Amino acid sequence: MRKWNSERGATAVEYGIFVAFIAAVVIVGVAALGIGTQGLFTPVATFFSTFSP
């Protein structure tokens, strides 16, 4: 029973590291997609900026 109680803190730390790694991967992926798709929307923005309200 003592072994189970002593492993609770280690498990929490492992989950924390795992969540931090996933967050880092998501941030890198979103940043890469943002840079890659930025050029796709420039012509659309230019097209709509020619219209007057």
C-alpha atoms as a PDB file:
ATOM      1  CA  MET A   1       0.000   0.000   0.000  1.00  0.00           C
ATOM      2  CA  ARG A   2       2.844   2.401   0.735  1.00  0.00           C
ATOM      3  CA  LYS A   3       4.331   1.864  -2.696  1.00  0.00           C
ATOM      4  CA  TRP A   4       1.085   3.002  -4.356  1.00  0.00           C
ATOM      5  CA  ASN A   5       1.005   6.197  -2.295  1.00  0.00           C
ATOM      6  CA  SER A   6       4.637   7.006  -3.054  1.00  0.00           C
ATOM      7  CA  GLU A   7       4.062   6.715  -6.814  1.00  0.00           C
ATOM      8  CA  ARG A   8       1.218   9.226  -6.974  1.00  0.00           C
ATOM      9  CA  GLY A   9       3.578  12.205  -7.086  1.00  0.00           C
ATOM     10  CA  ALA A  10       5.763  10.617  -9.734  1.00  0.00           C
ATOM     11  CA  THR A  11       2.721   9.907 -11.890  1.00  0.00           C
ATOM     12  CA  ALA A  12       1.567  13.512 -11.619  1.00  0.00           C
ATOM     13  CA  VAL A  13       4.994  14.737 -12.699  1.00  0.00           C
ATOM     14  CA  GLU A  14       5.005  12.341 -15.649  1.00  0.00           C
ATOM     15  CA  TYR A  15       1.582  13.541 -16.760  1.00  0.00           C
ATOM     16  CA  GLY A  16       2.727  17.142 -16.414  1.00  0.00           C
ATOM     17  CA  ILE A  17       5.760  16.524 -18.619  1.00  0.00           C
ATOM     18  CA  PHE A  18       3.567  14.705 -21.143  1.00  0.00           C
ATOM     19  CA  VAL A  19       1.059  17.579 -21.284  1.00  0.00           C
ATOM     20  CA  ALA A  20       3.879  20.127 -21.656  1.00  0.00           C
ATOM     21  CA  PHE A  21       5.329  18.134 -24.558  1.00  0.00           C
ATOM     22  CA  ILE A  22       1.952  17.937 -26.313  1.00  0.00           C
ATOM     23  CA  ALA A  23       1.440  21.694 -25.802  1.00  0.00           C
ATOM     24  CA  ALA A  24       4.841  22.413 -27.329  1.00  0.00           C
ATOM     25  CA  VAL A  25       4.044  20.240 -30.362  1.00  0.00           C
ATOM     26  CA  VAL A  26       0.689  21.979 -30.831  1.00  0.00           C
ATOM     27  CA  ILE A  27       2.287  25.434 -30.589  1.00  0.00           C
ATOM     28  CA  VAL A  28       4.956  24.543 -33.151  1.00  0.00           C
ATOM     29  CA  GLY A  29       2.328  23.066 -35.482  1.00  0.00           C
ATOM     30  CA  VAL A  30       0.030  26.075 -35.274  1.00  0.00           C
ATOM     31  CA  ALA A  31       2.943  28.446 -35.827  1.00  0.00           C
ATOM     32  CA  ALA A  32       4.080  26.480 -38.885  1.00  0.00           C
ATOM     33  CA  LEU A  33       0.583  26.400 -40.352  1.00  0.00           C
ATOM     34  CA  GLY A  34       0.114  30.098 -39.646  1.00  0.00           C
ATOM     35  CA  ILE A  35       3.251  31.017 -41.544  1.00  0.00           C
ATOM     36  CA  GLY A  36       2.389  28.636 -44.390  1.00  0.00           C
ATOM     37  CA  THR A  37      -1.177  29.856 -44.853  1.00  0.00           C
ATOM     38  CA  GLN A  38      -0.504  33.554 -44.437  1.00  0.00           C
ATOM     39  CA  GLY A  39       0.213  33.968 -48.134  1.00  0.00           C
ATOM     40  CA  LEU A  40      -3.040  32.248 -49.099  1.00  0.00           C
ATOM     41  CA  PHE A  41      -5.230  34.943 -47.586  1.00  0.00           C
ATOM     42  CA  THR A  42      -3.384  37.989 -48.923  1.00  0.00           C
ATOM     43  CA  PRO A  43      -5.066  37.884 -52.379  1.00  0.00           C
ATOM     44  CA  VAL A  44      -8.473  37.466 -50.752  1.00  0.00           C
ATOM     45  CA  ALA A  45      -7.881  40.455 -48.484  1.00  0.00           C
ATOM     46  CA  THR A  46      -6.698  42.516 -51.440  1.00  0.00           C
ATOM     47  CA  PHE A  47      -9.754  41.548 -53.467  1.00  0.00           C
ATOM     48  CA  PHE A  48     -12.193  42.578 -50.736  1.00  0.00           C
ATOM     49  CA  SER A  49     -10.323  45.786 -49.948  1.00  0.00           C
ATOM     50  CA  THR A  50     -11.162  47.104 -53.432  1.00  0.00           C
ATOM     51  CA  PHE A  51     -14.864  47.298 -52.584  1.00  0.00           C
ATOM     52  CA  SER A  52     -16.221  50.407 -50.921  1.00  0.00           C
ATOM     53  CA  PRO A  53     -18.904  50.012 -48.247  1.00  0.00           C
END
